Every structure is written in structure tokens, then in C-alpha cells.
Amino acid sequence: MTTSVPTPRLCERVLRALQLDKEFRDGKNLFVLPTDIGSWAPRENVDWTLVHECVRAVLP
């Protein structure tokens, strides 16, 4: 099975799309993050370093 490493271009496209999302207001992002099975909490202004790491971790 062949695996591929995400290209920086793809990562940047996804990150730009997140900034255009309706949950990005006044320069702040808003994510709904799981806290437990069936539970969640809204988190505003999540550090972009963490967002970058997560996007790179999940892209094929």
C-alpha cells in the first residue's frame, strides 16, 4: 500500500479554508472540541500552532 505525505500546499489550502469558515469571526476561530464520549465544549481562539499540527496530523 502506498502512503503519501501531505504537501505544504494542501495543508495551507485547508488552513485558509478554516479562516473563511463561518466559525472564524473577528480574527478568532471557534471550535467545538470533544471532552468525553458524547460531550463537547466550545473553544474560542485556539492557538494556530495547534491547529496547524492537527491539520498536518490528519491529512493523508
C-alpha atoms as a PDB file:
ATOM      1  CA  MET A   1       0.000   0.000   0.000  1.00  0.00           C
ATOM      2  CA  THR A   2       1.341   3.399  -0.946  1.00  0.00           C
ATOM      3  CA  THR A   3       1.183   6.187   1.576  1.00  0.00           C
ATOM      4  CA  SER A   4       1.577   9.830   0.797  1.00  0.00           C
ATOM      5  CA  VAL A   5       2.841  12.769   2.783  1.00  0.00           C
ATOM      6  CA  PRO A   6       0.607  15.849   2.717  1.00  0.00           C
ATOM      7  CA  THR A   7       2.055  18.624   0.668  1.00  0.00           C
ATOM      8  CA  PRO A   8       2.522  22.001   2.298  1.00  0.00           C
ATOM      9  CA  ARG A   9       0.252  23.409  -0.401  1.00  0.00           C
ATOM     10  CA  LEU A  10      -2.634  21.144   0.668  1.00  0.00           C
ATOM     11  CA  CYS A  11      -2.116  21.993   4.339  1.00  0.00           C
ATOM     12  CA  GLU A  12      -2.127  25.699   3.561  1.00  0.00           C
ATOM     13  CA  ARG A  13      -5.305  25.358   1.483  1.00  0.00           C
ATOM     14  CA  VAL A  14      -7.085  23.644   4.362  1.00  0.00           C
ATOM     15  CA  LEU A  15      -5.885  26.256   6.852  1.00  0.00           C
ATOM     16  CA  ARG A  16      -7.033  29.092   4.570  1.00  0.00           C
ATOM     17  CA  ALA A  17     -10.417  27.420   4.215  1.00  0.00           C
ATOM     18  CA  LEU A  18     -10.722  27.269   8.007  1.00  0.00           C
ATOM     19  CA  GLN A  19     -10.179  31.031   8.147  1.00  0.00           C
ATOM     20  CA  LEU A  20     -13.056  31.538   5.701  1.00  0.00           C
ATOM     21  CA  ASP A  21     -15.383  29.315   7.712  1.00  0.00           C
ATOM     22  CA  LYS A  22     -18.404  30.876   9.422  1.00  0.00           C
ATOM     23  CA  GLU A  23     -16.871  29.919  12.769  1.00  0.00           C
ATOM     24  CA  PHE A  24     -13.996  32.364  12.231  1.00  0.00           C
ATOM     25  CA  ARG A  25     -15.043  35.822  13.389  1.00  0.00           C
ATOM     26  CA  ASP A  26     -13.155  38.969  14.264  1.00  0.00           C
ATOM     27  CA  GLY A  27      -9.828  37.201  13.796  1.00  0.00           C
ATOM     28  CA  LYS A  28     -10.758  34.433  16.242  1.00  0.00           C
ATOM     29  CA  ASN A  29     -11.596  30.829  15.483  1.00  0.00           C
ATOM     30  CA  LEU A  30     -14.259  28.793  17.232  1.00  0.00           C
ATOM     31  CA  PHE A  31     -14.028  25.025  17.502  1.00  0.00           C
ATOM     32  CA  VAL A  32     -16.325  22.535  19.182  1.00  0.00           C
ATOM     33  CA  LEU A  33     -13.986  20.036  20.813  1.00  0.00           C
ATOM     34  CA  PRO A  34     -14.824  16.659  22.343  1.00  0.00           C
ATOM     35  CA  THR A  35     -14.287  16.469  26.096  1.00  0.00           C
ATOM     36  CA  ASP A  36     -15.610  12.943  26.643  1.00  0.00           C
ATOM     37  CA  ILE A  37     -17.737  10.401  24.810  1.00  0.00           C
ATOM     38  CA  GLY A  38     -20.883  12.281  23.876  1.00  0.00           C
ATOM     39  CA  SER A  39     -19.675  15.529  25.429  1.00  0.00           C
ATOM     40  CA  TRP A  40     -18.176  18.656  23.904  1.00  0.00           C
ATOM     41  CA  ALA A  41     -17.169  22.196  24.743  1.00  0.00           C
ATOM     42  CA  PRO A  42     -16.817  25.303  22.576  1.00  0.00           C
ATOM     43  CA  ARG A  43     -13.296  26.726  22.464  1.00  0.00           C
ATOM     44  CA  GLU A  44     -12.591  30.163  21.049  1.00  0.00           C
ATOM     45  CA  ASN A  45      -9.279  31.423  19.751  1.00  0.00           C
ATOM     46  CA  VAL A  46      -7.480  28.056  19.650  1.00  0.00           C
ATOM     47  CA  ASP A  47      -3.746  28.592  19.107  1.00  0.00           C
ATOM     48  CA  TRP A  48      -2.966  28.374  15.371  1.00  0.00           C
ATOM     49  CA  THR A  49       0.173  26.355  16.088  1.00  0.00           C
ATOM     50  CA  LEU A  50      -2.034  23.602  17.487  1.00  0.00           C
ATOM     51  CA  VAL A  51      -4.450  23.910  14.557  1.00  0.00           C
ATOM     52  CA  HIS A  52      -1.530  23.572  12.094  1.00  0.00           C
ATOM     53  CA  GLU A  53      -0.226  20.483  13.910  1.00  0.00           C
ATOM     54  CA  CYS A  54      -3.654  18.852  13.894  1.00  0.00           C
ATOM     55  CA  VAL A  55      -4.284  19.545  10.209  1.00  0.00           C
ATOM     56  CA  ARG A  56      -0.904  18.062   9.288  1.00  0.00           C
ATOM     57  CA  ALA A  57      -1.544  15.026  11.503  1.00  0.00           C
ATOM     58  CA  VAL A  58      -4.833  14.044   9.861  1.00  0.00           C
ATOM     59  CA  LEU A  59      -4.211  14.718   6.172  1.00  0.00           C
ATOM     60  CA  PRO A  60      -3.445  11.620   4.133  1.00  0.00           C
END
